[in-house]
Amino acid sequence: MKNIQYIGDIVKYHRKKAGLSQKALADIAGIGKTVVFDIEKGKETVQFKSIESVFKALNINILFDSPLMEKWKKGIERVEGVDGITEEREEH
C-alpha cells in the first residue's frame, strides 16, 4: 500500500468514527469537500497543508521518527523570547 493511501484510510476511519460526513470534516478543517475526498482516495497531489488541517480537525498527531531524531533534537535549542514566542536556533 502506498503511504498516501495509508493516510487516506486513516482519515476515513477517524472521520467515520467521529460521525462526520466528508462535507462536515471539510468545514471543520477549513478546506473543500473535494480535498477530503481526494485524501481518502489517496490522490498524490493533495497539499501537505491540507492533510495537516484534516489531521488537526480529527485530532491525529504526526510523529516524525528516525534513528537520527534524538541527535537532531539535541542540536536544537528552544529559546522563548520576551513576547512569549518560542523560536528554535540550531547550535553550531
N, C-alpha and C. Protein backbone atom coordinates (compact mmCIF):
# COMPACT_ATOMS: atom_id res chain seq x y z
N MET A 1 0.85 -1.19 0.00
CA MET A 1 0.00 0.00 0.00
C MET A 1 0.89 1.24 0.00
N LYS A 2 0.51 2.21 -0.82
CA LYS A 2 1.26 3.45 -0.87
C LYS A 2 0.97 4.27 0.39
N ASN A 3 1.96 5.06 0.81
CA ASN A 3 1.81 5.87 2.02
C ASN A 3 0.63 6.82 1.95
N ILE A 4 0.39 7.43 0.79
CA ILE A 4 -0.71 8.38 0.68
C ILE A 4 -2.05 7.66 0.83
N GLN A 5 -2.16 6.44 0.35
CA GLN A 5 -3.41 5.68 0.54
C GLN A 5 -3.57 5.29 2.01
N TYR A 6 -2.47 4.99 2.66
CA TYR A 6 -2.49 4.68 4.09
C TYR A 6 -3.03 5.87 4.88
N ILE A 7 -2.58 7.07 4.51
CA ILE A 7 -3.08 8.30 5.15
C ILE A 7 -4.57 8.45 4.88
N GLY A 8 -4.98 8.19 3.65
CA GLY A 8 -6.40 8.27 3.29
C GLY A 8 -7.25 7.32 4.11
N ASP A 9 -6.77 6.11 4.30
CA ASP A 9 -7.50 5.13 5.10
C ASP A 9 -7.62 5.56 6.56
N ILE A 10 -6.56 6.15 7.09
CA ILE A 10 -6.58 6.65 8.47
C ILE A 10 -7.61 7.77 8.61
N VAL A 11 -7.59 8.70 7.66
CA VAL A 11 -8.53 9.82 7.70
C VAL A 11 -9.96 9.32 7.62
N LYS A 12 -10.24 8.42 6.68
CA LYS A 12 -11.60 7.90 6.51
C LYS A 12 -12.07 7.18 7.78
N TYR A 13 -11.22 6.38 8.37
CA TYR A 13 -11.57 5.65 9.60
C TYR A 13 -11.92 6.62 10.72
N HIS A 14 -11.05 7.62 10.94
CA HIS A 14 -11.29 8.59 12.01
C HIS A 14 -12.53 9.44 11.74
N ARG A 15 -12.72 9.81 10.48
CA ARG A 15 -13.89 10.62 10.12
C ARG A 15 -15.18 9.85 10.42
N LYS A 16 -15.22 8.59 10.02
CA LYS A 16 -16.42 7.78 10.25
C LYS A 16 -16.66 7.54 11.74
N LYS A 17 -15.60 7.27 12.48
CA LYS A 17 -15.72 7.07 13.93
C LYS A 17 -16.20 8.34 14.63
N ALA A 18 -15.87 9.51 14.05
CA ALA A 18 -16.31 10.78 14.61
C ALA A 18 -17.74 11.12 14.16
N GLY A 19 -18.28 10.30 13.27
CA GLY A 19 -19.64 10.53 12.80
C GLY A 19 -19.76 11.72 11.87
N LEU A 20 -18.70 12.02 11.13
CA LEU A 20 -18.67 13.19 10.25
C LEU A 20 -18.80 12.79 8.79
N SER A 21 -19.51 13.59 8.03
CA SER A 21 -19.53 13.44 6.59
C SER A 21 -18.26 14.09 6.05
N GLN A 22 -17.97 13.83 4.79
CA GLN A 22 -16.82 14.49 4.17
C GLN A 22 -17.00 16.00 4.19
N LYS A 23 -18.22 16.46 3.96
CA LYS A 23 -18.50 17.90 3.95
C LYS A 23 -18.30 18.49 5.34
N ALA A 24 -18.79 17.81 6.37
CA ALA A 24 -18.63 18.32 7.74
C ALA A 24 -17.16 18.40 8.12
N LEU A 25 -16.38 17.37 7.77
CA LEU A 25 -14.94 17.39 8.07
C LEU A 25 -14.26 18.52 7.31
N ALA A 26 -14.63 18.70 6.06
CA ALA A 26 -14.05 19.77 5.26
C ALA A 26 -14.34 21.13 5.90
N ASP A 27 -15.56 21.32 6.37
CA ASP A 27 -15.92 22.59 7.02
C ASP A 27 -15.10 22.82 8.29
N ILE A 28 -14.94 21.79 9.09
CA ILE A 28 -14.16 21.90 10.33
C ILE A 28 -12.69 22.20 10.02
N ALA A 29 -12.17 21.53 8.98
CA ALA A 29 -10.75 21.68 8.62
C ALA A 29 -10.49 22.95 7.81
N GLY A 30 -11.54 23.58 7.33
CA GLY A 30 -11.36 24.79 6.54
C GLY A 30 -10.87 24.53 5.12
N ILE A 31 -11.27 23.40 4.57
CA ILE A 31 -10.87 23.04 3.20
C ILE A 31 -12.12 22.62 2.43
N GLY A 32 -11.97 22.35 1.15
CA GLY A 32 -13.09 21.92 0.34
C GLY A 32 -13.39 20.44 0.50
N LYS A 33 -14.66 20.08 0.27
CA LYS A 33 -15.09 18.67 0.36
C LYS A 33 -14.30 17.79 -0.60
N THR A 34 -13.99 18.33 -1.77
CA THR A 34 -13.23 17.57 -2.76
C THR A 34 -11.85 17.19 -2.23
N VAL A 35 -11.27 18.04 -1.41
CA VAL A 35 -9.94 17.76 -0.85
C VAL A 35 -10.02 16.55 0.09
N VAL A 36 -11.06 16.51 0.92
CA VAL A 36 -11.25 15.36 1.82
C VAL A 36 -11.42 14.10 0.98
N PHE A 37 -12.23 14.17 -0.05
CA PHE A 37 -12.44 13.03 -0.95
C PHE A 37 -11.10 12.58 -1.55
N ASP A 38 -10.31 13.55 -2.02
CA ASP A 38 -9.01 13.24 -2.63
C ASP A 38 -8.06 12.58 -1.63
N ILE A 39 -8.05 13.09 -0.40
CA ILE A 39 -7.19 12.48 0.63
C ILE A 39 -7.60 11.04 0.86
N GLU A 40 -8.90 10.81 1.03
CA GLU A 40 -9.38 9.46 1.32
C GLU A 40 -9.15 8.50 0.15
N LYS A 41 -9.10 9.01 -1.06
CA LYS A 41 -8.86 8.17 -2.24
C LYS A 41 -7.37 8.01 -2.55
N GLY A 42 -6.52 8.67 -1.76
CA GLY A 42 -5.07 8.50 -1.93
C GLY A 42 -4.49 9.30 -3.08
N LYS A 43 -5.15 10.38 -3.45
CA LYS A 43 -4.63 11.22 -4.53
C LYS A 43 -3.30 11.85 -4.11
N GLU A 44 -2.31 11.71 -4.95
CA GLU A 44 -0.94 12.12 -4.60
C GLU A 44 -0.68 13.61 -4.69
N THR A 45 -1.60 14.38 -5.26
CA THR A 45 -1.37 15.81 -5.46
C THR A 45 -1.95 16.68 -4.34
N VAL A 46 -2.49 16.06 -3.30
CA VAL A 46 -3.04 16.83 -2.18
C VAL A 46 -1.90 17.52 -1.45
N GLN A 47 -2.10 18.80 -1.13
CA GLN A 47 -1.07 19.56 -0.44
C GLN A 47 -0.94 19.09 1.01
N PHE A 48 0.30 19.09 1.50
CA PHE A 48 0.56 18.68 2.87
C PHE A 48 -0.22 19.55 3.86
N LYS A 49 -0.33 20.82 3.57
CA LYS A 49 -1.07 21.74 4.44
C LYS A 49 -2.52 21.29 4.62
N SER A 50 -3.12 20.77 3.56
CA SER A 50 -4.50 20.27 3.63
C SER A 50 -4.58 19.02 4.50
N ILE A 51 -3.62 18.13 4.32
CA ILE A 51 -3.58 16.92 5.15
C ILE A 51 -3.40 17.30 6.61
N GLU A 52 -2.52 18.25 6.85
CA GLU A 52 -2.27 18.72 8.20
C GLU A 52 -3.55 19.31 8.83
N SER A 53 -4.32 20.06 8.06
CA SER A 53 -5.58 20.64 8.55
C SER A 53 -6.59 19.56 8.91
N VAL A 54 -6.66 18.53 8.08
CA VAL A 54 -7.58 17.42 8.35
C VAL A 54 -7.13 16.66 9.59
N PHE A 55 -5.84 16.40 9.71
CA PHE A 55 -5.33 15.72 10.90
C PHE A 55 -5.65 16.51 12.16
N LYS A 56 -5.48 17.81 12.10
CA LYS A 56 -5.78 18.65 13.26
C LYS A 56 -7.26 18.56 13.62
N ALA A 57 -8.12 18.61 12.61
CA ALA A 57 -9.56 18.53 12.84
C ALA A 57 -9.97 17.20 13.45
N LEU A 58 -9.25 16.14 13.12
CA LEU A 58 -9.56 14.81 13.63
C LEU A 58 -8.71 14.42 14.85
N ASN A 59 -7.91 15.36 15.33
CA ASN A 59 -7.04 15.12 16.48
C ASN A 59 -6.06 13.96 16.23
N ILE A 60 -5.49 13.94 15.03
CA ILE A 60 -4.47 12.96 14.66
C ILE A 60 -3.12 13.65 14.71
N ASN A 61 -2.19 13.07 15.44
CA ASN A 61 -0.85 13.64 15.55
C ASN A 61 0.09 13.04 14.51
N ILE A 62 1.00 13.85 14.05
CA ILE A 62 2.04 13.39 13.12
C ILE A 62 3.32 13.23 13.94
N LEU A 63 3.93 12.08 13.85
CA LEU A 63 5.16 11.80 14.58
C LEU A 63 6.28 11.54 13.59
N PHE A 64 7.33 12.34 13.68
CA PHE A 64 8.50 12.12 12.85
C PHE A 64 9.49 11.30 13.65
N ASP A 65 9.96 10.22 13.04
CA ASP A 65 10.86 9.33 13.76
C ASP A 65 11.93 8.80 12.81
N SER A 66 13.13 8.73 13.30
CA SER A 66 14.24 8.13 12.57
C SER A 66 15.36 7.87 13.57
N PRO A 67 16.34 7.08 13.18
CA PRO A 67 17.47 6.84 14.09
C PRO A 67 18.22 8.11 14.47
N LEU A 68 18.10 9.17 13.68
CA LEU A 68 18.83 10.41 13.94
C LEU A 68 18.02 11.46 14.70
N MET A 69 16.76 11.20 14.98
CA MET A 69 15.90 12.23 15.57
C MET A 69 16.39 12.71 16.94
N GLU A 70 16.83 11.83 17.78
CA GLU A 70 17.30 12.25 19.11
C GLU A 70 18.52 13.16 18.99
N LYS A 71 19.42 12.82 18.09
CA LYS A 71 20.60 13.66 17.87
C LYS A 71 20.18 15.02 17.33
N TRP A 72 19.20 15.03 16.41
CA TRP A 72 18.71 16.29 15.85
C TRP A 72 18.05 17.14 16.94
N LYS A 73 17.23 16.50 17.78
CA LYS A 73 16.55 17.23 18.86
C LYS A 73 17.55 17.87 19.81
N LYS A 74 18.63 17.19 20.09
CA LYS A 74 19.64 17.74 20.99
C LYS A 74 20.36 18.92 20.36
N GLY A 75 20.38 19.00 19.03
CA GLY A 75 21.05 20.09 18.34
C GLY A 75 20.19 21.33 18.20
N ILE A 76 18.94 21.25 18.64
CA ILE A 76 18.03 22.39 18.55
C ILE A 76 17.88 22.99 19.94
N GLU A 77 18.10 24.28 20.03
CA GLU A 77 17.94 24.99 21.29
C GLU A 77 16.64 25.78 21.22
N ARG A 78 15.74 25.55 22.13
CA ARG A 78 14.48 26.28 22.14
C ARG A 78 14.63 27.49 23.06
N VAL A 79 14.39 28.63 22.48
CA VAL A 79 14.56 29.88 23.20
C VAL A 79 13.23 30.62 23.20
N GLU A 80 12.72 30.94 24.40
CA GLU A 80 11.48 31.69 24.48
C GLU A 80 11.82 33.17 24.57
N GLY A 81 11.25 33.93 23.65
CA GLY A 81 11.51 35.35 23.59
C GLY A 81 10.67 36.12 24.59
N VAL A 82 10.92 37.40 24.69
CA VAL A 82 10.22 38.28 25.61
C VAL A 82 8.73 38.31 25.31
N ASP A 83 8.37 38.22 24.03
CA ASP A 83 6.97 38.28 23.63
C ASP A 83 6.25 36.94 23.79
N GLY A 84 6.93 35.94 24.33
CA GLY A 84 6.32 34.64 24.57
C GLY A 84 6.40 33.70 23.38
N ILE A 85 6.95 34.16 22.29
CA ILE A 85 7.07 33.32 21.10
C ILE A 85 8.35 32.49 21.23
N THR A 86 8.20 31.19 21.02
CA THR A 86 9.35 30.30 21.09
C THR A 86 9.96 30.18 19.71
N GLU A 87 11.25 30.39 19.64
CA GLU A 87 11.93 30.21 18.38
C GLU A 87 13.01 29.15 18.56
N GLU A 88 13.33 28.50 17.47
CA GLU A 88 14.33 27.44 17.53
C GLU A 88 15.60 27.91 16.85
N ARG A 89 16.71 27.67 17.51
CA ARG A 89 18.01 28.03 16.96
C ARG A 89 18.87 26.78 16.94
N GLU A 90 19.47 26.56 15.83
CA GLU A 90 20.34 25.40 15.69
C GLU A 90 21.71 25.74 16.27
N GLU A 91 22.21 24.85 17.13
CA GLU A 91 23.53 25.06 17.72
C GLU A 91 24.60 24.76 16.67
N HIS A 92 25.70 25.46 16.76
CA HIS A 92 26.80 25.23 15.81
C HIS A 92 27.93 24.54 16.46
